Amino acid sequence: LLRAQHDLGTSYCSVGEVACLWSSVSVLLRKIWRVKQRESRLNRGRFG
């Protein structure tokens, strides 16, 4: 899965460096946000 995503990313990069950068950044931010949401939910369940 990661391999396929990497290939898609590199082929998309040739279209525009800035667009590629922003797409990868947004994906990373979304992943981090999802993990933080999961952690906060777990903490609330544990201490609440």
PDB file of N, CA and C in Angstrom:
ATOM      1  N   LEU A   1       0.849  -1.209   0.000  1.00  0.00           N
ATOM      2  CA  LEU A   1       0.000   0.000   0.000  1.00  0.00           C
ATOM      3  C   LEU A   1       0.877   1.249   0.000  1.00  0.00           C
ATOM      4  N   LEU A   2       1.859   1.273   0.934  1.00  0.00           N
ATOM      5  CA  LEU A   2       2.761   2.426   0.999  1.00  0.00           C
ATOM      6  C   LEU A   2       3.521   2.586  -0.311  1.00  0.00           C
ATOM      7  N   ARG A   3       3.940   1.449  -0.883  1.00  0.00           N
ATOM      8  CA  ARG A   3       4.686   1.488  -2.145  1.00  0.00           C
ATOM      9  C   ARG A   3       3.832   2.144  -3.240  1.00  0.00           C
ATOM     10  N   ALA A   4       2.576   1.733  -3.333  1.00  0.00           N
ATOM     11  CA  ALA A   4       1.692   2.289  -4.356  1.00  0.00           C
ATOM     12  C   ALA A   4       1.485   3.782  -4.120  1.00  0.00           C
ATOM     13  N   GLN A   5       1.298   4.170  -2.860  1.00  0.00           N
ATOM     14  CA  GLN A   5       1.117   5.582  -2.537  1.00  0.00           C
ATOM     15  C   GLN A   5       2.349   6.378  -2.924  1.00  0.00           C
ATOM     16  N   HIS A   6       3.529   5.805  -2.695  1.00  0.00           N
ATOM     17  CA  HIS A   6       4.775   6.492  -3.031  1.00  0.00           C
ATOM     18  C   HIS A   6       4.868   6.702  -4.541  1.00  0.00           C
ATOM     19  N   ASP A   7       4.515   5.677  -5.305  1.00  0.00           N
ATOM     20  CA  ASP A   7       4.563   5.791  -6.767  1.00  0.00           C
ATOM     21  C   ASP A   7       3.588   6.870  -7.246  1.00  0.00           C
ATOM     22  N   LEU A   8       2.389   6.887  -6.664  1.00  0.00           N
ATOM     23  CA  LEU A   8       1.415   7.909  -7.029  1.00  0.00           C
ATOM     24  C   LEU A   8       1.957   9.289  -6.704  1.00  0.00           C
ATOM     25  N   GLY A   9       2.581   9.418  -5.523  1.00  0.00           N
ATOM     26  CA  GLY A   9       3.118  10.703  -5.100  1.00  0.00           C
ATOM     27  C   GLY A   9       4.191  11.197  -6.042  1.00  0.00           C
ATOM     28  N   THR A  10       5.115  10.316  -6.448  1.00  0.00           N
ATOM     29  CA  THR A  10       6.209  10.739  -7.320  1.00  0.00           C
ATOM     30  C   THR A  10       5.678  11.135  -8.692  1.00  0.00           C
ATOM     31  N   SER A  11       4.705  10.394  -9.224  1.00  0.00           N
ATOM     32  CA  SER A  11       4.158  10.733 -10.535  1.00  0.00           C
ATOM     33  C   SER A  11       3.389  12.048 -10.449  1.00  0.00           C
ATOM     34  N   TYR A  12       2.772  12.310  -9.312  1.00  0.00           N
ATOM     35  CA  TYR A  12       2.029  13.552  -9.113  1.00  0.00           C
ATOM     36  C   TYR A  12       2.994  14.729  -8.947  1.00  0.00           C
ATOM     37  N   CYS A  13       4.184  14.457  -8.394  1.00  0.00           N
ATOM     38  CA  CYS A  13       5.174  15.508  -8.164  1.00  0.00           C
ATOM     39  C   CYS A  13       5.600  16.144  -9.481  1.00  0.00           C
ATOM     40  N   SER A  14       5.671  15.362 -10.548  1.00  0.00           N
ATOM     41  CA  SER A  14       6.107  15.904 -11.833  1.00  0.00           C
ATOM     42  C   SER A  14       5.116  16.949 -12.347  1.00  0.00           C
ATOM     43  N   VAL A  15       3.854  16.863 -11.903  1.00  0.00           N
ATOM     44  CA  VAL A  15       2.848  17.842 -12.322  1.00  0.00           C
ATOM     45  C   VAL A  15       3.177  19.204 -11.717  1.00  0.00           C
ATOM     46  N   GLY A  16       3.499  19.226 -10.413  1.00  0.00           N
ATOM     47  CA  GLY A  16       3.827  20.495  -9.760  1.00  0.00           C
ATOM     48  C   GLY A  16       4.418  20.253  -8.390  1.00  0.00           C
ATOM     49  N   GLU A  17       5.613  20.787  -8.159  1.00  0.00           N
ATOM     50  CA  GLU A  17       6.302  20.542  -6.891  1.00  0.00           C
ATOM     51  C   GLU A  17       5.489  21.069  -5.716  1.00  0.00           C
ATOM     52  N   VAL A  18       4.952  22.272  -5.840  1.00  0.00           N
ATOM     53  CA  VAL A  18       4.213  22.877  -4.735  1.00  0.00           C
ATOM     54  C   VAL A  18       2.969  22.056  -4.417  1.00  0.00           C
ATOM     55  N   ALA A  19       2.239  21.663  -5.461  1.00  0.00           N
ATOM     56  CA  ALA A  19       1.030  20.871  -5.258  1.00  0.00           C
ATOM     57  C   ALA A  19       1.375  19.555  -4.573  1.00  0.00           C
ATOM     58  N   CYS A  20       2.474  18.940  -5.010  1.00  0.00           N
ATOM     59  CA  CYS A  20       2.912  17.679  -4.416  1.00  0.00           C
ATOM     60  C   CYS A  20       3.235  17.883  -2.949  1.00  0.00           C
ATOM     61  N   LEU A  21       3.968  18.950  -2.649  1.00  0.00           N
ATOM     62  CA  LEU A  21       4.351  19.240  -1.271  1.00  0.00           C
ATOM     63  C   LEU A  21       3.115  19.393  -0.396  1.00  0.00           C
ATOM     64  N   TRP A  22       2.157  20.213  -0.854  1.00  0.00           N
ATOM     65  CA  TRP A  22       0.971  20.468  -0.052  1.00  0.00           C
ATOM     66  C   TRP A  22       0.134  19.205   0.139  1.00  0.00           C
ATOM     67  N   SER A  23       0.046  18.369  -0.887  1.00  0.00           N
ATOM     68  CA  SER A  23      -0.752  17.144  -0.765  1.00  0.00           C
ATOM     69  C   SER A  23      -0.141  16.225   0.280  1.00  0.00           C
ATOM     70  N   SER A  24       1.191  16.068   0.252  1.00  0.00           N
ATOM     71  CA  SER A  24       1.848  15.193   1.222  1.00  0.00           C
ATOM     72  C   SER A  24       1.727  15.766   2.622  1.00  0.00           C
ATOM     73  N   VAL A  25       1.857  17.097   2.748  1.00  0.00           N
ATOM     74  CA  VAL A  25       1.744  17.742   4.060  1.00  0.00           C
ATOM     75  C   VAL A  25       0.341  17.551   4.616  1.00  0.00           C
ATOM     76  N   SER A  26      -0.680  17.748   3.783  1.00  0.00           N
ATOM     77  CA  SER A  26      -2.058  17.608   4.251  1.00  0.00           C
ATOM     78  C   SER A  26      -2.336  16.176   4.687  1.00  0.00           C
ATOM     79  N   VAL A  27      -1.784  15.205   3.953  1.00  0.00           N
ATOM     80  CA  VAL A  27      -1.969  13.800   4.324  1.00  0.00           C
ATOM     81  C   VAL A  27      -1.329  13.527   5.676  1.00  0.00           C
ATOM     82  N   LEU A  28      -0.112  14.051   5.867  1.00  0.00           N
ATOM     83  CA  LEU A  28       0.585  13.863   7.138  1.00  0.00           C
ATOM     84  C   LEU A  28      -0.207  14.483   8.275  1.00  0.00           C
ATOM     85  N   LEU A  29      -0.685  15.714   8.078  1.00  0.00           N
ATOM     86  CA  LEU A  29      -1.436  16.399   9.127  1.00  0.00           C
ATOM     87  C   LEU A  29      -2.696  15.619   9.475  1.00  0.00           C
ATOM     88  N   ARG A  30      -3.364  15.086   8.444  1.00  0.00           N
ATOM     89  CA  ARG A  30      -4.582  14.321   8.683  1.00  0.00           C
ATOM     90  C   ARG A  30      -4.281  13.090   9.527  1.00  0.00           C
ATOM     91  N   LYS A  31      -3.160  12.394   9.217  1.00  0.00           N
ATOM     92  CA  LYS A  31      -2.779  11.207   9.984  1.00  0.00           C
ATOM     93  C   LYS A  31      -2.502  11.574  11.431  1.00  0.00           C
ATOM     94  N   ILE A  32      -1.721  12.641  11.640  1.00  0.00           N
ATOM     95  CA  ILE A  32      -1.388  13.076  12.999  1.00  0.00           C
ATOM     96  C   ILE A  32      -2.660  13.432  13.758  1.00  0.00           C
ATOM     97  N   TRP A  33      -3.571  14.166  13.110  1.00  0.00           N
ATOM     98  CA  TRP A  33      -4.807  14.595  13.749  1.00  0.00           C
ATOM     99  C   TRP A  33      -5.636  13.376  14.168  1.00  0.00           C
ATOM    100  N   ARG A  34      -5.703  12.385  13.283  1.00  0.00           N
ATOM    101  CA  ARG A  34      -6.475  11.184  13.572  1.00  0.00           C
ATOM    102  C   ARG A  34      -5.902  10.463  14.783  1.00  0.00           C
ATOM    103  N   VAL A  35      -4.563  10.363  14.839  1.00  0.00           N
ATOM    104  CA  VAL A  35      -3.914   9.691  15.964  1.00  0.00           C
ATOM    105  C   VAL A  35      -4.189  10.451  17.253  1.00  0.00           C
ATOM    106  N   LYS A  36      -4.097  11.778  17.216  1.00  0.00           N
ATOM    107  CA  LYS A  36      -4.345  12.585  18.409  1.00  0.00           C
ATOM    108  C   LYS A  36      -5.788  12.423  18.868  1.00  0.00           C
ATOM    109  N   GLN A  37      -6.724  12.396  17.929  1.00  0.00           N
ATOM    110  CA  GLN A  37      -8.125  12.199  18.280  1.00  0.00           C
ATOM    111  C   GLN A  37      -8.313  10.862  18.990  1.00  0.00           C
ATOM    112  N   ARG A  38      -7.660   9.819  18.458  1.00  0.00           N
ATOM    113  CA  ARG A  38      -7.772   8.489  19.039  1.00  0.00           C
ATOM    114  C   ARG A  38      -7.192   8.483  20.449  1.00  0.00           C
ATOM    115  N   GLU A  39      -6.026   9.140  20.616  1.00  0.00           N
ATOM    116  CA  GLU A  39      -5.379   9.177  21.922  1.00  0.00           C
ATOM    117  C   GLU A  39      -6.249   9.905  22.939  1.00  0.00           C
ATOM    118  N   SER A  40      -6.800  11.056  22.559  1.00  0.00           N
ATOM    119  CA  SER A  40      -7.612  11.828  23.487  1.00  0.00           C
ATOM    120  C   SER A  40      -8.859  11.030  23.876  1.00  0.00           C
ATOM    121  N   ARG A  41      -9.421  10.295  22.927  1.00  0.00           N
ATOM    122  CA  ARG A  41     -10.597   9.483  23.215  1.00  0.00           C
ATOM    123  C   ARG A  41     -10.240   8.387  24.215  1.00  0.00           C
ATOM    124  N   LEU A  42      -9.079   7.754  24.013  1.00  0.00           N
ATOM    125  CA  LEU A  42      -8.638   6.703  24.928  1.00  0.00           C
ATOM    126  C   LEU A  42      -8.404   7.272  26.316  1.00  0.00           C
ATOM    127  N   ASN A  43      -7.751   8.427  26.394  1.00  0.00           N
ATOM    128  CA  ASN A  43      -7.467   9.040  27.684  1.00  0.00           C
ATOM    129  C   ASN A  43      -8.756   9.402  28.409  1.00  0.00           C
ATOM    130  N   ARG A  44      -9.724   9.933  27.677  1.00  0.00           N
ATOM    131  CA  ARG A  44     -11.000  10.291  28.280  1.00  0.00           C
ATOM    132  C   ARG A  44     -11.678   9.042  28.843  1.00  0.00           C
ATOM    133  N   GLY A  45     -11.638   7.951  28.072  1.00  0.00           N
ATOM    134  CA  GLY A  45     -12.256   6.713  28.533  1.00  0.00           C
ATOM    135  C   GLY A  45     -11.546   6.152  29.753  1.00  0.00           C
ATOM    136  N   ARG A  46     -10.235   6.335  29.809  1.00  0.00           N
ATOM    137  CA  ARG A  46      -9.457   5.752  30.893  1.00  0.00           C
ATOM    138  C   ARG A  46      -9.625   6.549  32.188  1.00  0.00           C
ATOM    139  N   PHE A  47      -9.608   7.888  32.087  1.00  0.00           N
ATOM    140  CA  PHE A  47      -9.614   8.707  33.303  1.00  0.00           C
ATOM    141  C   PHE A  47     -11.007   9.238  33.627  1.00  0.00           C
ATOM    142  N   GLY A  48     -11.914   9.263  32.635  1.00  0.00           N
ATOM    143  CA  GLY A  48     -13.234   9.844  32.849  1.00  0.00           C
ATOM    144  C   GLY A  48     -14.124   8.900  33.593  1.00  0.00           C
TER     145      GLY A  48
END
